[in-house]
Amino acid sequence: MPGVGDYISNAVLCYAFNQEVIPIDTNFLRVFTRIDDFDSKYSDKSRDKDLIVQIKDYYKFDNYNRKLEFKEYNFAVLDFASKVCRARTPRCNSCCLKTKCCYYEMK
């Protein structure tokens, strides 16, 4: 469909059709680049196809416990990004991942 990009198509496949795909948006990019120190050569990380592939490879569903639906993992990352790992005012001091977070170590 014209005008439908990777994020929208993956979101529809994931949430409507239960496909094991990751709708990677700026929130996903922020969480993974902060915690795991994935680097991008672009200021707009959403344009970095190599970074997106790297995150998808890291975030394989086969590595997780199948008792929890893959959609819940996606929602968990989005919730974490909106409540803790926020864009402008991250709550690093109360973050449960701060001991493993590259962003927190650099602060």
Protein backbone atom coordinates (compact mmCIF):
# COMPACT_ATOMS: atom_id res chain seq x y z
CA MET A 1 0.00 0.00 0.00
CA PRO A 2 1.33 3.43 -0.87
CA GLY A 3 2.32 5.48 2.14
CA VAL A 4 2.61 2.53 4.52
CA GLY A 5 6.11 2.17 5.88
CA ASP A 6 7.90 -0.51 7.86
CA TYR A 7 6.60 0.61 11.25
CA ILE A 8 2.91 0.66 10.31
CA SER A 9 3.07 -2.59 8.36
CA ASN A 10 4.91 -4.33 11.21
CA ALA A 11 2.52 -2.92 13.81
CA VAL A 12 -0.49 -4.24 11.87
CA LEU A 13 1.16 -7.63 11.38
CA CYS A 14 2.09 -7.83 15.06
CA TYR A 15 -1.00 -6.54 16.84
CA ALA A 16 -3.75 -7.46 14.39
CA PHE A 17 -2.45 -10.67 12.84
CA ASN A 18 -0.24 -12.04 15.65
CA GLN A 19 2.87 -12.18 13.49
CA GLU A 20 6.20 -12.35 15.30
CA VAL A 21 7.52 -9.02 14.05
CA ILE A 22 8.79 -5.95 15.85
CA PRO A 23 7.27 -2.58 15.03
CA ILE A 24 10.41 -0.55 15.67
CA ASP A 25 9.73 3.12 16.32
CA THR A 26 11.74 5.86 18.02
CA ASN A 27 10.89 4.41 21.44
CA PHE A 28 12.39 1.03 20.57
CA LEU A 29 15.42 2.73 19.09
CA ARG A 30 15.92 4.88 22.18
CA VAL A 31 15.67 1.97 24.63
CA PHE A 32 17.99 -0.32 22.71
CA THR A 33 20.57 2.34 21.87
CA ARG A 34 20.68 3.46 25.49
CA ILE A 35 20.69 0.14 27.28
CA ASP A 36 22.75 -1.92 24.88
CA ASP A 37 24.76 0.93 23.38
CA PHE A 38 23.82 0.17 19.79
CA ASP A 39 25.33 2.92 17.73
CA SER A 40 24.02 4.73 14.69
CA LYS A 41 25.75 6.78 12.07
CA TYR A 42 22.57 8.83 11.56
CA SER A 43 21.12 11.53 13.76
CA ASP A 44 17.69 10.19 12.78
CA LYS A 45 18.14 6.61 13.93
CA SER A 46 14.94 5.48 12.19
CA ARG A 47 16.79 5.85 8.87
CA ASP A 48 19.56 3.47 9.95
CA LYS A 49 18.59 0.12 8.42
CA ASP A 50 21.72 -1.56 9.86
CA LEU A 51 20.72 -0.50 13.38
CA ILE A 52 17.20 -1.82 12.88
CA VAL A 53 18.54 -5.17 11.68
CA GLN A 54 20.90 -5.28 14.65
CA ILE A 55 18.02 -4.69 17.09
CA LYS A 56 15.82 -7.28 15.37
CA ASP A 57 18.63 -9.84 15.57
CA TYR A 58 19.12 -9.09 19.26
CA TYR A 59 15.40 -9.22 19.96
CA LYS A 60 14.74 -12.69 18.55
CA PHE A 61 11.58 -14.21 19.95
CA ASP A 62 13.07 -17.69 19.84
CA ASN A 63 15.31 -16.76 22.77
CA TYR A 64 12.42 -15.97 25.10
CA ASN A 65 10.05 -18.02 27.18
CA ARG A 66 7.04 -18.80 24.98
CA LYS A 67 4.63 -18.63 27.93
CA LEU A 68 4.51 -14.87 27.40
CA GLU A 69 3.15 -13.70 24.08
CA PHE A 70 5.55 -11.81 21.83
CA LYS A 71 3.09 -8.89 21.65
CA GLU A 72 3.52 -8.45 25.38
CA TYR A 73 7.26 -8.05 24.92
CA ASN A 74 6.65 -5.31 22.37
CA PHE A 75 4.17 -3.60 24.68
CA ALA A 76 6.61 -3.93 27.58
CA VAL A 77 9.34 -2.14 25.65
CA LEU A 78 6.91 0.63 24.69
CA ASP A 79 5.68 0.98 28.29
CA PHE A 80 9.24 1.03 29.59
CA ALA A 81 10.13 3.72 27.06
CA SER A 82 7.17 5.89 28.04
CA LYS A 83 7.46 5.50 31.81
CA VAL A 84 11.16 5.04 32.57
CA CYS A 85 13.46 5.45 29.59
CA ARG A 86 11.82 8.66 28.44
CA ALA A 87 13.28 10.82 25.71
CA ARG A 88 13.86 14.12 27.49
CA THR A 89 13.67 13.20 31.17
CA PRO A 90 14.69 9.59 31.66
CA ARG A 91 14.17 8.19 35.14
CA CYS A 92 17.56 6.53 35.34
CA ASN A 93 17.83 6.51 39.12
CA SER A 94 14.67 4.42 39.49
CA CYS A 95 15.38 2.18 36.49
CA CYS A 96 15.63 -1.55 37.16
CA LEU A 97 18.15 -1.87 34.31
CA LYS A 98 20.54 0.90 35.34
CA THR A 99 23.28 -1.50 36.41
CA LYS A 100 23.34 -2.90 32.85
CA CYS A 101 22.64 0.34 31.02
CA CYS A 102 25.34 1.99 28.92
CA TYR A 103 23.51 5.33 28.95
CA TYR A 104 23.36 5.36 32.75
CA GLU A 105 27.08 4.58 32.98
CA MET A 106 27.90 7.56 30.74
CA LYS A 107 25.81 10.02 32.76
